[in-house]
Amino acid sequence: MKSNNSETPKRQRLVTAGFTLIELLVVIAIIAILAAMLLPALARAKSRAYAANDINNCKQTMLAAAIYCTDNNDFLASPGWQMNYDNWVTSANLTPLTTHTAATFGADFKTQLHYISGDAAPALGKPGLLYYILKNPKLFICPEDPVNGAYYQRLVLISSYVWNGAVVGYPKTWTSPAYVHSLKISAFKPTNILQWENDAKNTSAGAWNDFSNYPL
């Protein structure tokens, strides 16, 4: 009995030294409020990091385009208008292009990657025109490009960016050999835009069917 009487106050002290349920709820509420205030700032910081990466991708591609012109008598690399010829991203005839799903995305993406490097069939051993300068396929993808339902509707999966079809004059047909050849860089003003990123949410037929577009 004596030992029981001596242990009872200790138990009572241990119980009274803990947190009450209300105190715990208050602490959790404060943490939730602080997290809600912090998450938007973290999201903005992440977005700025993605934007810096995105700008670097475009810068590297423009440097590669300038080097290509230097090595090819000032002719620009073909923009990939209708993709019936070698272009700045891939070798010719990136076909067949079909609709993609989440289940087939990985395999379809890897298949299209072969057309950049030309390292395996069906690329037939021929790389894209800028591959000898741009070896990293990640330079063709915006780091913040969402892989969602809209992405799966694209025919082109391996590039977030497009070039201006003015490089080859926006031809409606490729029956004439004259259309195959790009214009020289001197045909354009320094302020003309060569590359931009298509709207990631745009699923219209002409938005992601090749590597080129109108400067809308």
Protein backbone atom coordinates (compact mmCIF):
# COMPACT_ATOMS: atom_id res chain seq x y z
CA MET A 1 0.00 0.00 0.00
CA LYS A 2 2.80 2.33 0.78
CA SER A 3 4.44 1.80 -2.61
CA ASN A 4 1.12 2.40 -4.38
CA ASN A 5 0.63 5.72 -2.58
CA SER A 6 4.15 6.84 -3.61
CA GLU A 7 3.57 6.06 -7.33
CA THR A 8 0.22 7.82 -7.67
CA PRO A 9 1.58 11.40 -7.50
CA LYS A 10 4.20 10.55 -10.16
CA ARG A 11 1.52 9.38 -12.53
CA GLN A 12 -0.47 12.49 -11.88
CA ARG A 13 2.54 14.70 -12.56
CA LEU A 14 3.20 12.91 -15.87
CA VAL A 15 -0.37 13.40 -16.98
CA THR A 16 -0.55 17.05 -16.05
CA ALA A 17 2.78 17.77 -17.83
CA GLY A 18 1.39 16.74 -21.30
CA PHE A 19 -0.44 18.78 -23.98
CA THR A 20 -4.17 19.02 -24.05
CA LEU A 21 -6.14 18.23 -27.19
CA ILE A 22 -6.95 21.91 -27.69
CA GLU A 23 -3.28 22.87 -27.49
CA LEU A 24 -2.39 20.25 -30.10
CA LEU A 25 -5.14 21.48 -32.42
CA VAL A 26 -3.93 25.06 -32.06
CA VAL A 27 -0.36 24.04 -32.95
CA ILE A 28 -1.57 22.05 -35.98
CA ALA A 29 -3.67 25.01 -37.13
CA ILE A 30 -0.66 27.35 -36.84
CA ILE A 31 1.52 24.94 -38.84
CA ALA A 32 -1.18 24.66 -41.52
CA ILE A 33 -1.43 28.46 -41.78
CA LEU A 34 2.35 28.83 -42.08
CA ALA A 35 2.48 26.09 -44.73
CA ALA A 36 -0.31 27.76 -46.70
CA MET A 37 1.65 31.02 -46.64
CA LEU A 38 4.90 29.32 -47.65
CA LEU A 39 3.73 27.02 -50.47
CA PRO A 40 2.84 29.80 -52.96
CA ALA A 41 6.27 31.34 -52.46
CA LEU A 42 7.91 27.97 -53.08
CA ALA A 43 5.76 27.45 -56.19
CA ARG A 44 6.82 30.85 -57.55
CA ALA A 45 10.47 30.08 -56.87
CA LYS A 46 10.11 26.73 -58.64
CA SER A 47 8.40 28.42 -61.59
CA ARG A 48 11.21 30.99 -61.84
CA ALA A 49 13.75 28.16 -61.87
CA TYR A 50 11.81 26.45 -64.66
CA ALA A 51 11.65 29.74 -66.57
CA ALA A 52 15.42 30.16 -66.32
CA ASN A 53 15.85 26.61 -67.63
CA ASP A 54 13.35 27.31 -70.41
CA ILE A 55 15.20 30.46 -71.50
CA ASN A 56 18.48 28.55 -71.45
CA ASN A 57 16.98 25.89 -73.74
CA CYS A 58 16.05 28.57 -76.28
CA LYS A 59 19.43 30.26 -75.95
CA GLN A 60 21.29 27.01 -76.61
CA THR A 61 19.11 26.29 -79.64
CA MET A 62 19.68 29.77 -81.07
CA LEU A 63 23.44 29.36 -80.63
CA ALA A 64 23.21 26.02 -82.43
CA ALA A 65 21.20 27.67 -85.22
CA ALA A 66 23.89 30.34 -85.63
CA ILE A 67 26.63 27.69 -85.76
CA TYR A 68 24.64 25.72 -88.33
CA CYS A 69 24.36 28.84 -90.51
CA THR A 70 28.10 29.39 -90.25
CA ASP A 71 28.76 25.82 -91.37
CA ASN A 72 26.17 25.88 -94.19
CA ASN A 73 26.77 29.05 -96.19
CA ASP A 74 24.37 31.12 -94.02
CA PHE A 75 21.38 28.85 -94.75
CA LEU A 76 19.14 28.23 -91.75
CA ALA A 77 18.28 24.70 -90.71
CA SER A 78 14.91 23.60 -92.05
CA PRO A 79 12.11 24.36 -89.54
CA GLY A 80 10.23 21.08 -89.91
CA TRP A 81 7.23 22.48 -91.79
CA GLN A 82 5.17 19.34 -92.61
CA MET A 83 8.23 17.28 -91.63
CA ASN A 84 8.82 15.80 -95.07
CA TYR A 85 12.53 16.54 -94.86
CA ASP A 86 15.39 16.68 -92.36
CA ASN A 87 14.77 19.51 -89.91
CA TRP A 88 16.26 21.20 -86.87
CA VAL A 89 14.95 18.51 -84.47
CA THR A 90 14.72 15.23 -86.34
CA SER A 91 15.58 13.34 -89.46
CA ALA A 92 13.03 13.18 -92.26
CA ASN A 93 9.61 11.56 -92.11
CA LEU A 94 8.89 11.19 -88.42
CA THR A 95 6.15 8.66 -89.13
CA PRO A 96 3.81 7.15 -88.28
CA LEU A 97 2.39 9.82 -86.01
CA THR A 98 -0.63 8.63 -84.05
CA THR A 99 -2.61 9.60 -81.00
CA HIS A 100 -0.94 8.78 -77.70
CA THR A 101 -2.21 7.66 -74.32
CA ALA A 102 -0.73 7.53 -70.84
CA ALA A 103 -0.15 3.79 -71.36
CA THR A 104 1.76 4.18 -74.64
CA PHE A 105 3.43 7.52 -73.87
CA GLY A 106 6.75 6.12 -72.66
CA ALA A 107 7.26 3.85 -75.67
CA ASP A 108 6.07 6.49 -78.16
CA PHE A 109 8.37 9.11 -76.64
CA LYS A 110 11.42 6.81 -76.88
CA THR A 111 10.56 5.95 -80.49
CA GLN A 112 10.45 9.62 -81.45
CA LEU A 113 13.74 10.26 -79.61
CA HIS A 114 15.46 8.00 -82.15
CA TYR A 115 14.70 10.55 -84.84
CA ILE A 116 16.74 13.18 -82.95
CA SER A 117 19.90 11.11 -82.60
CA GLY A 118 19.40 8.66 -85.47
CA ASP A 119 20.81 5.93 -83.21
CA ALA A 120 18.25 3.25 -84.02
CA ALA A 121 15.41 2.25 -86.31
CA PRO A 122 13.15 3.69 -87.56
CA ALA A 123 15.42 6.74 -87.80
CA LEU A 124 17.63 4.87 -90.29
CA GLY A 125 20.83 6.18 -88.75
CA LYS A 126 20.26 9.83 -89.66
CA PRO A 127 20.04 12.49 -86.90
CA GLY A 128 18.34 15.88 -86.86
CA LEU A 129 20.19 18.79 -88.43
CA LEU A 130 21.25 20.37 -85.13
CA TYR A 131 22.12 17.12 -83.38
CA TYR A 132 25.85 17.51 -84.02
CA ILE A 133 25.64 20.62 -81.81
CA LEU A 134 22.69 19.85 -79.51
CA LYS A 135 23.26 16.38 -78.07
CA ASN A 136 20.86 16.65 -75.13
CA PRO A 137 17.21 15.96 -76.11
CA LYS A 138 16.06 17.74 -72.93
CA LEU A 139 16.91 21.04 -74.67
CA PHE A 140 13.84 20.50 -76.87
CA ILE A 141 11.42 20.16 -73.92
CA CYS A 142 10.14 22.92 -71.67
CA PRO A 143 10.76 21.76 -68.07
CA GLU A 144 7.30 22.98 -67.04
CA ASP A 145 5.44 21.34 -69.91
CA PRO A 146 2.67 19.36 -68.18
CA VAL A 147 2.31 15.71 -69.14
CA ASN A 148 -1.49 15.55 -69.07
CA GLY A 149 -4.41 14.80 -71.34
CA ALA A 150 -3.56 17.68 -73.68
CA TYR A 151 0.03 16.44 -74.01
CA TYR A 152 -1.13 12.96 -75.04
CA GLN A 153 -3.14 14.48 -77.90
CA ARG A 154 0.01 15.81 -79.55
CA LEU A 155 1.50 14.08 -82.55
CA VAL A 156 4.94 15.45 -81.67
CA LEU A 157 6.03 14.57 -78.14
CA ILE A 158 9.73 15.40 -78.17
CA SER A 159 9.65 19.18 -78.59
CA SER A 160 7.82 21.97 -76.77
CA TYR A 161 9.18 24.52 -79.22
CA VAL A 162 8.51 25.32 -82.86
CA TRP A 163 10.34 27.29 -85.52
CA ASN A 164 8.90 29.89 -87.83
CA GLY A 165 7.68 28.37 -91.09
CA ALA A 166 8.80 31.56 -92.85
CA VAL A 167 12.24 29.92 -93.07
CA VAL A 168 10.84 27.88 -95.97
CA GLY A 169 8.03 30.27 -96.96
CA TYR A 170 5.05 28.34 -95.49
CA PRO A 171 4.69 26.07 -98.54
CA LYS A 172 1.38 24.32 -99.14
CA THR A 173 3.05 21.48 -101.04
CA TRP A 174 6.41 19.75 -101.23
CA THR A 175 6.20 18.72 -104.87
CA SER A 176 8.68 21.42 -105.86
CA PRO A 177 12.32 20.97 -104.83
CA ALA A 178 12.57 24.74 -104.38
CA TYR A 179 10.51 24.49 -101.21
CA VAL A 180 12.94 22.07 -99.60
CA HIS A 181 15.71 24.63 -99.25
CA SER A 182 15.65 27.06 -96.37
CA LEU A 183 16.34 30.76 -96.80
CA LYS A 184 19.56 32.37 -95.73
CA ILE A 185 19.68 34.06 -92.36
CA SER A 186 20.37 37.35 -94.15
CA ALA A 187 16.81 37.23 -95.57
CA PHE A 188 15.45 38.07 -92.12
CA LYS A 189 15.72 41.05 -89.81
CA PRO A 190 17.50 40.66 -86.45
CA THR A 191 14.18 41.36 -84.72
CA ASN A 192 12.35 38.51 -86.49
CA ILE A 193 11.38 35.60 -84.24
CA LEU A 194 12.66 32.16 -85.14
CA GLN A 195 11.61 30.01 -82.18
CA TRP A 196 8.84 30.05 -79.59
CA GLU A 197 6.92 27.64 -77.38
CA ASN A 198 3.48 26.51 -78.45
CA ASP A 199 0.63 26.81 -75.98
CA ALA A 200 0.73 23.61 -73.92
CA LYS A 201 -3.09 23.55 -73.73
CA ASN A 202 -3.59 24.00 -77.48
CA THR A 203 -4.73 20.69 -78.94
CA SER A 204 -5.75 21.97 -82.38
CA ALA A 205 -4.72 19.88 -85.37
CA GLY A 206 -1.92 22.17 -86.53
CA ALA A 207 -0.36 22.99 -83.17
CA TRP A 208 1.64 19.79 -82.61
CA ASN A 209 1.73 18.01 -85.97
CA ASP A 210 5.30 19.09 -86.83
CA PHE A 211 8.15 21.27 -85.56
CA SER A 212 7.03 24.51 -87.17
CA ASN A 213 4.17 26.98 -87.08
CA TYR A 214 2.91 30.46 -87.94
CA PRO A 215 3.97 33.17 -85.44
CA LEU A 216 0.50 33.64 -83.98
